[in-house]
């Protein structure tokens, strides 16, 4: 019985090797496309974001090259926080997120309110302040 299993494993191994030999060019082409796509994506992100800077570490591996994009310096791309006031009260918050945490309202609803998309958030009206 063990000989049957070993024979089956040998058959499967031969089948896999034959498949790889027949499709070698397709696998190489696919790998090259992946590498080129990763490099192009990293370059485009670096140019468009003004934030993340990528350093390419290219190390020789066998016959080919392996590319590892590494984040060198990441700068947050979000807009600076502006203080928020809950109209009709003496409550002031450092940011929309802070207002959402402390009032229990949804951040997206507060954002929609201060941008004029909705009149109030469950009866509360928020306004953005220009400086702290």
N, C-alpha and C. Protein backbone atom coordinates (compact mmCIF):
# COMPACT_ATOMS: atom_id res chain seq x y z
N UNK A 1 0.82 -1.19 0.00
CA UNK A 1 0.00 0.00 0.00
C UNK A 1 0.86 1.26 0.00
N UNK A 2 1.95 1.29 0.78
CA UNK A 2 2.84 2.44 0.81
C UNK A 2 3.49 2.67 -0.55
N UNK A 3 3.77 1.58 -1.26
CA UNK A 3 4.38 1.71 -2.58
C UNK A 3 3.43 2.39 -3.54
N UNK A 4 2.13 2.14 -3.41
CA UNK A 4 1.14 2.80 -4.26
C UNK A 4 1.14 4.31 -4.00
N UNK A 5 1.21 4.71 -2.71
CA UNK A 5 1.23 6.13 -2.35
C UNK A 5 2.50 6.80 -2.86
N UNK A 6 3.62 6.12 -2.74
CA UNK A 6 4.89 6.67 -3.22
C UNK A 6 4.84 6.82 -4.73
N UNK A 7 4.31 5.80 -5.43
CA UNK A 7 4.19 5.89 -6.88
C UNK A 7 3.29 7.05 -7.28
N UNK A 8 2.20 7.27 -6.54
CA UNK A 8 1.28 8.37 -6.83
C UNK A 8 1.98 9.71 -6.61
N UNK A 9 2.78 9.84 -5.54
CA UNK A 9 3.52 11.07 -5.28
C UNK A 9 4.54 11.35 -6.37
N UNK A 10 5.22 10.32 -6.83
CA UNK A 10 6.21 10.47 -7.89
C UNK A 10 5.53 10.92 -9.18
N UNK A 11 4.36 10.33 -9.48
CA UNK A 11 3.60 10.73 -10.67
C UNK A 11 3.20 12.20 -10.59
N UNK A 12 2.71 12.59 -9.42
CA UNK A 12 2.26 13.97 -9.24
C UNK A 12 3.44 14.94 -9.36
N UNK A 13 4.58 14.57 -8.80
CA UNK A 13 5.78 15.40 -8.88
C UNK A 13 6.22 15.56 -10.34
N UNK A 14 6.20 14.48 -11.10
CA UNK A 14 6.57 14.54 -12.51
C UNK A 14 5.60 15.42 -13.30
N UNK A 15 4.31 15.32 -12.97
CA UNK A 15 3.30 16.13 -13.65
C UNK A 15 3.53 17.61 -13.38
N UNK A 16 3.84 17.95 -12.15
CA UNK A 16 4.09 19.34 -11.78
C UNK A 16 5.33 19.86 -12.48
N UNK A 17 6.39 19.07 -12.49
CA UNK A 17 7.62 19.49 -13.17
C UNK A 17 7.39 19.70 -14.65
N UNK A 18 6.63 18.81 -15.27
CA UNK A 18 6.34 18.94 -16.70
C UNK A 18 5.52 20.22 -16.96
N UNK A 19 4.56 20.49 -16.08
CA UNK A 19 3.75 21.70 -16.21
C UNK A 19 4.62 22.95 -16.11
N UNK A 20 5.51 22.98 -15.14
CA UNK A 20 6.39 24.14 -14.97
C UNK A 20 7.31 24.34 -16.17
N UNK A 21 7.81 23.25 -16.73
CA UNK A 21 8.68 23.36 -17.92
C UNK A 21 7.90 23.92 -19.11
N UNK A 22 6.66 23.44 -19.29
CA UNK A 22 5.85 23.90 -20.42
C UNK A 22 5.46 25.38 -20.28
N UNK A 23 5.23 25.82 -19.07
CA UNK A 23 4.72 27.17 -18.84
C UNK A 23 5.74 28.12 -18.23
N UNK A 24 7.01 27.78 -18.38
CA UNK A 24 8.09 28.57 -17.79
C UNK A 24 8.02 30.03 -18.24
N UNK A 25 7.86 30.27 -19.52
CA UNK A 25 7.83 31.65 -20.05
C UNK A 25 6.66 32.45 -19.48
N UNK A 26 5.52 31.81 -19.33
CA UNK A 26 4.35 32.50 -18.78
C UNK A 26 4.62 32.92 -17.34
N UNK A 27 5.21 32.05 -16.54
CA UNK A 27 5.51 32.40 -15.15
C UNK A 27 6.55 33.51 -15.06
N UNK A 28 7.56 33.46 -15.91
CA UNK A 28 8.59 34.51 -15.91
C UNK A 28 7.97 35.85 -16.32
N UNK A 29 7.15 35.84 -17.38
CA UNK A 29 6.49 37.07 -17.83
C UNK A 29 5.60 37.64 -16.74
N UNK A 30 4.84 36.80 -16.07
CA UNK A 30 3.98 37.25 -14.98
C UNK A 30 4.76 37.86 -13.84
N UNK A 31 5.87 37.24 -13.49
CA UNK A 31 6.71 37.76 -12.41
C UNK A 31 7.31 39.11 -12.76
N UNK A 32 7.77 39.25 -13.99
CA UNK A 32 8.34 40.53 -14.43
C UNK A 32 7.27 41.61 -14.42
N UNK A 33 6.06 41.27 -14.87
CA UNK A 33 4.96 42.25 -14.86
C UNK A 33 4.63 42.68 -13.44
N UNK A 34 4.64 41.76 -12.50
CA UNK A 34 4.39 42.10 -11.10
C UNK A 34 5.43 43.07 -10.56
N UNK A 35 6.69 42.81 -10.85
CA UNK A 35 7.77 43.67 -10.37
C UNK A 35 7.67 45.05 -10.99
N UNK A 36 7.46 45.12 -12.31
CA UNK A 36 7.35 46.41 -12.99
C UNK A 36 6.14 47.18 -12.46
N UNK A 37 5.02 46.49 -12.25
CA UNK A 37 3.84 47.13 -11.70
C UNK A 37 4.07 47.68 -10.30
N UNK A 38 4.78 46.94 -9.47
CA UNK A 38 5.07 47.40 -8.10
C UNK A 38 5.96 48.64 -8.13
N UNK A 39 6.96 48.63 -8.98
CA UNK A 39 7.85 49.80 -9.08
C UNK A 39 7.09 51.01 -9.62
N UNK A 40 6.30 50.80 -10.68
CA UNK A 40 5.53 51.91 -11.27
C UNK A 40 4.54 52.46 -10.25
N UNK A 41 3.88 51.59 -9.51
CA UNK A 41 2.93 52.03 -8.48
C UNK A 41 3.62 52.84 -7.40
N UNK A 42 4.78 52.37 -6.95
CA UNK A 42 5.51 53.09 -5.91
C UNK A 42 5.95 54.47 -6.40
N UNK A 43 6.39 54.54 -7.66
CA UNK A 43 6.82 55.83 -8.22
C UNK A 43 5.64 56.78 -8.34
N UNK A 44 4.49 56.27 -8.82
CA UNK A 44 3.31 57.12 -8.97
C UNK A 44 2.80 57.60 -7.63
N UNK A 45 2.78 56.74 -6.63
CA UNK A 45 2.34 57.13 -5.30
C UNK A 45 3.28 58.19 -4.74
N UNK A 46 4.56 57.98 -4.91
CA UNK A 46 5.55 58.92 -4.40
C UNK A 46 5.38 60.29 -5.04
N UNK A 47 5.15 60.31 -6.35
CA UNK A 47 5.01 61.60 -7.05
C UNK A 47 3.70 62.29 -6.73
N UNK A 48 2.62 61.53 -6.61
CA UNK A 48 1.31 62.16 -6.42
C UNK A 48 1.01 62.52 -4.98
N UNK A 49 1.54 61.76 -4.03
CA UNK A 49 1.15 61.98 -2.64
C UNK A 49 1.92 63.11 -1.98
N UNK A 50 3.16 63.29 -2.33
CA UNK A 50 3.97 64.27 -1.63
C UNK A 50 4.20 63.84 -0.19
N UNK A 51 3.76 62.65 0.17
CA UNK A 51 3.85 62.19 1.54
C UNK A 51 4.86 61.07 1.70
N UNK A 52 4.46 59.89 1.32
CA UNK A 52 5.32 58.74 1.53
C UNK A 52 6.46 58.75 0.53
N UNK A 53 7.65 58.50 1.01
CA UNK A 53 8.81 58.41 0.15
C UNK A 53 9.26 56.95 0.15
N UNK A 54 9.47 56.42 -1.03
CA UNK A 54 9.84 55.02 -1.13
C UNK A 54 11.29 54.87 -1.55
N UNK A 55 11.96 53.95 -0.93
CA UNK A 55 13.32 53.61 -1.35
C UNK A 55 13.27 52.19 -1.89
N UNK A 56 13.82 51.97 -3.02
CA UNK A 56 13.80 50.66 -3.63
C UNK A 56 15.06 49.90 -3.22
N UNK A 57 14.86 48.78 -2.58
CA UNK A 57 15.98 47.91 -2.25
C UNK A 57 15.96 46.79 -3.27
N UNK A 58 16.92 46.80 -4.15
CA UNK A 58 16.99 45.76 -5.17
C UNK A 58 18.16 44.85 -4.81
N UNK A 59 17.82 43.62 -4.55
CA UNK A 59 18.86 42.66 -4.21
C UNK A 59 18.84 41.54 -5.24
N UNK A 60 20.00 41.12 -5.64
CA UNK A 60 20.08 40.08 -6.64
C UNK A 60 19.74 38.74 -5.99
N UNK A 61 18.83 38.03 -6.63
CA UNK A 61 18.41 36.71 -6.13
C UNK A 61 18.50 35.75 -7.30
N UNK A 62 19.47 34.86 -7.26
CA UNK A 62 19.63 33.90 -8.35
C UNK A 62 19.89 34.62 -9.66
N UNK A 63 19.02 34.37 -10.64
CA UNK A 63 19.19 35.02 -11.94
C UNK A 63 18.44 36.34 -12.00
N UNK A 64 17.41 36.48 -11.18
CA UNK A 64 16.57 37.67 -11.26
C UNK A 64 16.86 38.67 -10.16
N UNK A 65 16.01 39.65 -10.06
CA UNK A 65 16.14 40.67 -9.03
C UNK A 65 14.87 40.72 -8.22
N UNK A 66 15.02 41.02 -6.96
CA UNK A 66 13.88 41.11 -6.07
C UNK A 66 13.76 42.57 -5.63
N UNK A 67 12.59 43.16 -5.75
CA UNK A 67 12.38 44.56 -5.40
C UNK A 67 11.53 44.62 -4.16
N UNK A 68 12.01 45.34 -3.15
CA UNK A 68 11.25 45.52 -1.92
C UNK A 68 11.02 47.00 -1.67
N UNK A 69 9.81 47.52 -1.96
CA UNK A 69 9.56 48.92 -1.62
C UNK A 69 9.50 49.08 -0.11
N UNK A 70 10.20 50.05 0.43
CA UNK A 70 10.26 50.28 1.86
C UNK A 70 9.88 51.72 2.15
N UNK A 71 9.04 51.92 3.13
CA UNK A 71 8.67 53.29 3.48
C UNK A 71 9.81 53.88 4.29
N UNK A 72 10.38 54.97 3.78
CA UNK A 72 11.48 55.64 4.45
C UNK A 72 10.95 56.70 5.40
N UNK A 73 10.06 57.52 4.90
CA UNK A 73 9.54 58.61 5.70
C UNK A 73 8.08 58.79 5.33
N UNK A 74 7.18 58.73 6.31
CA UNK A 74 5.76 58.88 6.01
C UNK A 74 5.25 60.16 6.66
N UNK A 75 4.65 61.00 5.84
CA UNK A 75 4.10 62.25 6.32
C UNK A 75 2.59 62.14 6.20
N UNK A 76 1.89 62.41 7.27
CA UNK A 76 0.44 62.30 7.25
C UNK A 76 -0.14 63.31 6.27
N UNK A 77 -1.08 62.85 5.43
CA UNK A 77 -1.61 63.70 4.38
C UNK A 77 -2.94 64.34 4.76
N UNK A 78 -3.43 64.13 5.97
CA UNK A 78 -4.72 64.68 6.33
C UNK A 78 -4.64 66.18 6.57
N UNK A 79 -5.78 66.83 6.52
CA UNK A 79 -5.81 68.27 6.77
C UNK A 79 -5.65 68.51 8.26
N UNK A 80 -5.07 69.63 8.65
CA UNK A 80 -4.90 69.91 10.07
C UNK A 80 -6.27 70.04 10.75
N UNK A 81 -6.32 69.64 12.01
CA UNK A 81 -7.57 69.72 12.77
C UNK A 81 -7.93 71.16 13.05
N UNK A 82 -9.23 71.44 12.99
CA UNK A 82 -9.73 72.76 13.34
C UNK A 82 -10.64 72.60 14.55
N UNK A 83 -10.63 73.58 15.43
CA UNK A 83 -11.52 73.50 16.59
C UNK A 83 -12.99 73.57 16.18
N UNK A 84 -13.82 72.94 16.98
CA UNK A 84 -15.26 72.86 16.72
C UNK A 84 -16.01 73.39 17.94
N UNK A 85 -17.09 74.12 17.69
CA UNK A 85 -17.92 74.67 18.76
C UNK A 85 -19.30 74.06 18.66
N UNK A 86 -19.86 73.64 19.80
CA UNK A 86 -21.24 73.19 19.86
C UNK A 86 -22.09 74.42 20.13
N UNK A 87 -22.81 74.89 19.11
CA UNK A 87 -23.56 76.14 19.17
C UNK A 87 -24.60 76.08 20.29
N UNK A 88 -24.69 77.20 21.03
CA UNK A 88 -25.66 77.30 22.12
C UNK A 88 -25.11 76.81 23.45
N UNK A 89 -23.86 76.37 23.45
CA UNK A 89 -23.23 75.91 24.70
C UNK A 89 -21.85 76.54 24.79
N UNK A 90 -21.20 76.27 25.89
CA UNK A 90 -19.81 76.73 26.01
C UNK A 90 -18.84 75.57 25.78
N UNK A 91 -19.26 74.59 24.99
CA UNK A 91 -18.42 73.43 24.70
C UNK A 91 -17.62 73.66 23.43
N UNK A 92 -16.30 73.51 23.55
CA UNK A 92 -15.38 73.63 22.42
C UNK A 92 -14.55 72.36 22.35
N UNK A 93 -14.28 71.90 21.15
CA UNK A 93 -13.54 70.66 20.95
C UNK A 93 -12.34 70.95 20.04
N UNK A 94 -11.28 70.17 20.21
CA UNK A 94 -10.06 70.37 19.42
C UNK A 94 -10.23 69.99 17.95
N UNK A 95 -11.14 69.05 17.67
CA UNK A 95 -11.32 68.57 16.30
C UNK A 95 -12.69 67.94 16.15
N UNK A 96 -13.03 67.58 14.92
CA UNK A 96 -14.28 66.86 14.69
C UNK A 96 -14.28 65.52 15.42
N UNK A 97 -13.15 64.84 15.39
CA UNK A 97 -13.03 63.54 16.07
C UNK A 97 -13.25 63.69 17.57
N UNK A 98 -12.66 64.74 18.13
CA UNK A 98 -12.81 65.00 19.56
C UNK A 98 -14.28 65.27 19.89
N UNK A 99 -14.95 66.05 19.05
CA UNK A 99 -16.37 66.35 19.25
C UNK A 99 -17.20 65.07 19.18
N UNK A 100 -16.89 64.21 18.24
CA UNK A 100 -17.63 62.96 18.10
C UNK A 100 -17.44 62.07 19.32
N UNK A 101 -16.20 61.96 19.81
CA UNK A 101 -15.93 61.12 20.98
C UNK A 101 -16.67 61.64 22.21
N UNK A 102 -16.63 62.95 22.43
CA UNK A 102 -17.17 63.52 23.67
C UNK A 102 -18.69 63.68 23.65
N UNK A 103 -19.30 63.84 22.47
CA UNK A 103 -20.75 64.00 22.41
C UNK A 103 -21.47 62.70 22.11
N UNK A 104 -20.75 61.72 21.60
CA UNK A 104 -21.38 60.45 21.25
C UNK A 104 -22.02 60.47 19.87
N UNK A 105 -21.91 61.57 19.15
CA UNK A 105 -22.45 61.65 17.79
C UNK A 105 -21.46 61.03 16.81
N UNK A 106 -21.97 60.69 15.64
CA UNK A 106 -21.14 60.12 14.58
C UNK A 106 -20.25 61.20 13.99
N UNK A 107 -18.99 60.85 13.74
CA UNK A 107 -18.04 61.79 13.12
C UNK A 107 -18.56 62.24 11.76
N UNK A 108 -19.08 61.31 10.98
CA UNK A 108 -19.57 61.68 9.65
C UNK A 108 -20.76 62.62 9.72
N UNK A 109 -21.62 62.44 10.72
CA UNK A 109 -22.78 63.33 10.86
C UNK A 109 -22.34 64.74 11.27
N UNK A 110 -21.37 64.83 12.17
CA UNK A 110 -20.85 66.15 12.57
C UNK A 110 -20.19 66.82 11.37
N UNK A 111 -19.44 66.06 10.60
CA UNK A 111 -18.80 66.60 9.41
C UNK A 111 -19.84 67.11 8.42
N UNK A 112 -20.89 66.34 8.21
CA UNK A 112 -21.95 66.77 7.29
C UNK A 112 -22.62 68.04 7.80
N UNK A 113 -22.76 68.17 9.14
CA UNK A 113 -23.37 69.36 9.72
C UNK A 113 -22.51 70.60 9.52
N UNK A 114 -21.23 70.51 9.82
CA UNK A 114 -20.37 71.69 9.69
C UNK A 114 -20.16 72.08 8.23
N UNK A 115 -20.33 71.13 7.31
CA UNK A 115 -20.19 71.44 5.88
C UNK A 115 -21.50 71.88 5.24
N UNK A 116 -22.58 71.97 6.04
CA UNK A 116 -23.85 72.48 5.54
C UNK A 116 -24.72 71.48 4.81
N UNK A 117 -24.41 70.20 4.90
CA UNK A 117 -25.22 69.19 4.21
C UNK A 117 -26.47 68.83 5.01
N UNK A 118 -26.40 68.93 6.33
CA UNK A 118 -27.58 68.70 7.17
C UNK A 118 -27.67 69.84 8.18
N UNK A 119 -28.89 70.11 8.64
CA UNK A 119 -29.13 71.26 9.53
C UNK A 119 -28.61 71.03 10.94
N UNK A 120 -28.77 69.81 11.46
CA UNK A 120 -28.33 69.52 12.82
C UNK A 120 -28.05 68.04 12.98
N UNK A 121 -27.43 67.71 14.11
CA UNK A 121 -27.15 66.31 14.45
C UNK A 121 -27.93 66.01 15.72
N UNK A 122 -29.10 65.38 15.55
CA UNK A 122 -29.97 65.06 16.68
C UNK A 122 -30.22 66.30 17.55
N UNK A 123 -30.46 67.43 16.90
CA UNK A 123 -30.75 68.66 17.62
C UNK A 123 -29.54 69.52 17.93
N UNK A 124 -28.35 68.99 17.81
CA UNK A 124 -27.13 69.76 18.07
C UNK A 124 -26.59 70.35 16.78
N UNK A 125 -26.12 71.61 16.87
CA UNK A 125 -25.52 72.29 15.71
C UNK A 125 -24.06 72.57 16.03
N UNK A 126 -23.19 72.18 15.11
CA UNK A 126 -21.76 72.37 15.29
C UNK A 126 -21.26 73.41 14.29
N UNK A 127 -20.19 74.12 14.66
CA UNK A 127 -19.56 75.04 13.72
C UNK A 127 -18.05 74.93 13.84
N UNK A 128 -17.38 75.06 12.70
CA UNK A 128 -15.92 75.03 12.68
C UNK A 128 -15.39 76.41 13.04
N UNK A 129 -14.34 76.45 13.83
CA UNK A 129 -13.68 77.68 14.17
C UNK A 129 -12.38 77.73 13.39
N UNK A 130 -11.94 78.88 12.98
CA UNK A 130 -10.76 79.00 12.13
C UNK A 130 -9.45 78.74 12.87
N UNK A 131 -9.34 79.15 14.12
CA UNK A 131 -8.10 78.93 14.86
C UNK A 131 -8.43 78.62 16.30
N UNK A 132 -7.45 78.07 16.98
CA UNK A 132 -7.65 77.66 18.37
C UNK A 132 -7.72 78.84 19.30
